[in-house]
């Protein structure tokens, strides 16, 4: 499961790269990419993380390591 989750995360990062390349090609202006990581520890001792990536202030990708799902959003 961890391998599949890692593959989804890498695919999401590739999408972000493509999104930024298209934005640069269209306008040539400076664009901002921001990443946030959140960690959570449950009562049973398991720890999980999630990542949110933003392009120009709009959330573009959410990845949750607990379920291995990545969600691509339109910024």
C-alpha atoms as a PDB file:
ATOM      1  CA  UNK A   1       0.000   0.000   0.000  1.00  0.00           C
ATOM      2  CA  UNK A   2       2.838   2.384   0.818  1.00  0.00           C
ATOM      3  CA  UNK A   3       4.315   1.886  -2.643  1.00  0.00           C
ATOM      4  CA  UNK A   4       0.997   2.679  -4.343  1.00  0.00           C
ATOM      5  CA  UNK A   5       0.567   5.743  -2.136  1.00  0.00           C
ATOM      6  CA  UNK A   6       4.056   6.900  -3.062  1.00  0.00           C
ATOM      7  CA  UNK A   7       3.279   6.464  -6.763  1.00  0.00           C
ATOM      8  CA  UNK A   8       0.118   8.580  -6.418  1.00  0.00           C
ATOM      9  CA  UNK A   9       2.100  11.261  -4.607  1.00  0.00           C
ATOM     10  CA  UNK A  10       4.746  11.330  -7.367  1.00  0.00           C
ATOM     11  CA  UNK A  11       2.003  11.535 -10.018  1.00  0.00           C
ATOM     12  CA  UNK A  12       0.505  14.511  -8.205  1.00  0.00           C
ATOM     13  CA  UNK A  13       3.873  16.262  -8.110  1.00  0.00           C
ATOM     14  CA  UNK A  14       4.269  15.664 -11.848  1.00  0.00           C
ATOM     15  CA  UNK A  15       0.868  17.284 -12.366  1.00  0.00           C
ATOM     16  CA  UNK A  16       1.983  20.325 -10.354  1.00  0.00           C
ATOM     17  CA  UNK A  17       5.130  20.617 -12.445  1.00  0.00           C
ATOM     18  CA  UNK A  18       3.094  20.484 -15.654  1.00  0.00           C
ATOM     19  CA  UNK A  19       0.658  23.061 -14.273  1.00  0.00           C
ATOM     20  CA  UNK A  20       3.492  25.448 -13.439  1.00  0.00           C
ATOM     21  CA  UNK A  21       5.172  24.926 -16.820  1.00  0.00           C
ATOM     22  CA  UNK A  22       1.919  25.781 -18.595  1.00  0.00           C
ATOM     23  CA  UNK A  23       1.453  28.882 -16.443  1.00  0.00           C
ATOM     24  CA  UNK A  24       4.997  30.065 -17.181  1.00  0.00           C
ATOM     25  CA  UNK A  25       4.580  29.416 -20.897  1.00  0.00           C
ATOM     26  CA  UNK A  26       1.310  31.364 -20.975  1.00  0.00           C
ATOM     27  CA  UNK A  27       2.391  34.431 -19.077  1.00  0.00           C
ATOM     28  CA  UNK A  28       6.051  34.189 -18.268  1.00  0.00           C
ATOM     29  CA  UNK A  29       5.306  35.769 -14.897  1.00  0.00           C
ATOM     30  CA  UNK A  30       6.453  34.609 -11.486  1.00  0.00           C
ATOM     31  CA  UNK A  31       4.223  31.942  -9.929  1.00  0.00           C
ATOM     32  CA  UNK A  32       4.226  30.783  -6.335  1.00  0.00           C
ATOM     33  CA  UNK A  33       4.229  27.118  -5.274  1.00  0.00           C
ATOM     34  CA  UNK A  34       3.614  26.484  -1.571  1.00  0.00           C
ATOM     35  CA  UNK A  35       3.592  23.161   0.244  1.00  0.00           C
ATOM     36  CA  UNK A  36       2.215  22.347   3.685  1.00  0.00           C
ATOM     37  CA  UNK A  37       2.647  19.114   5.625  1.00  0.00           C
ATOM     38  CA  UNK A  38       0.415  18.126   8.515  1.00  0.00           C
ATOM     39  CA  UNK A  39       1.107  15.230  10.880  1.00  0.00           C
ATOM     40  CA  UNK A  40      -1.400  13.475  13.117  1.00  0.00           C
ATOM     41  CA  UNK A  41      -0.902  10.837  15.792  1.00  0.00           C
ATOM     42  CA  UNK A  42      -3.916   8.745  16.726  1.00  0.00           C
ATOM     43  CA  UNK A  43      -4.707   7.302  20.167  1.00  0.00           C
ATOM     44  CA  UNK A  44      -3.556   3.847  18.989  1.00  0.00           C
ATOM     45  CA  UNK A  45      -0.085   5.252  18.228  1.00  0.00           C
ATOM     46  CA  UNK A  46      -0.337   5.297  14.439  1.00  0.00           C
ATOM     47  CA  UNK A  47       0.944   8.464  12.805  1.00  0.00           C
ATOM     48  CA  UNK A  48      -0.166   9.838   9.453  1.00  0.00           C
ATOM     49  CA  UNK A  49       0.703  12.795   7.303  1.00  0.00           C
ATOM     50  CA  UNK A  50      -0.983  14.808   4.634  1.00  0.00           C
ATOM     51  CA  UNK A  51       0.380  17.290   2.134  1.00  0.00           C
ATOM     52  CA  UNK A  52      -1.341  20.256   0.528  1.00  0.00           C
ATOM     53  CA  UNK A  53       0.210  22.078  -2.407  1.00  0.00           C
ATOM     54  CA  UNK A  54      -0.917  25.516  -3.527  1.00  0.00           C
ATOM     55  CA  UNK A  55      -0.266  27.359  -6.791  1.00  0.00           C
ATOM     56  CA  UNK A  56      -0.640  31.129  -6.572  1.00  0.00           C
ATOM     57  CA  UNK A  57      -2.622  30.757  -3.340  1.00  0.00           C
ATOM     58  CA  UNK A  58      -5.110  28.165  -4.647  1.00  0.00           C
ATOM     59  CA  UNK A  59      -4.970  24.567  -3.443  1.00  0.00           C
ATOM     60  CA  UNK A  60      -3.940  22.367  -6.377  1.00  0.00           C
ATOM     61  CA  UNK A  61      -3.143  18.995  -4.768  1.00  0.00           C
ATOM     62  CA  UNK A  62      -3.997  17.187  -1.535  1.00  0.00           C
ATOM     63  CA  UNK A  63      -2.304  13.899  -0.617  1.00  0.00           C
ATOM     64  CA  UNK A  64      -3.328  11.819   2.413  1.00  0.00           C
ATOM     65  CA  UNK A  65      -0.881   9.100   3.500  1.00  0.00           C
ATOM     66  CA  UNK A  66      -3.491   7.388   5.717  1.00  0.00           C
ATOM     67  CA  UNK A  67      -5.561   6.194   2.785  1.00  0.00           C
ATOM     68  CA  UNK A  68      -2.993   6.751   0.019  1.00  0.00           C
ATOM     69  CA  UNK A  69      -5.279   9.030  -1.955  1.00  0.00           C
ATOM     70  CA  UNK A  70      -4.190  12.070  -3.857  1.00  0.00           C
ATOM     71  CA  UNK A  71      -6.734  14.626  -4.977  1.00  0.00           C
ATOM     72  CA  UNK A  72      -5.908  16.992  -7.824  1.00  0.00           C
ATOM     73  CA  UNK A  73      -7.860  20.233  -7.610  1.00  0.00           C
ATOM     74  CA  UNK A  74      -8.187  23.021 -10.143  1.00  0.00           C
ATOM     75  CA  UNK A  75      -6.431  26.130  -8.856  1.00  0.00           C
END
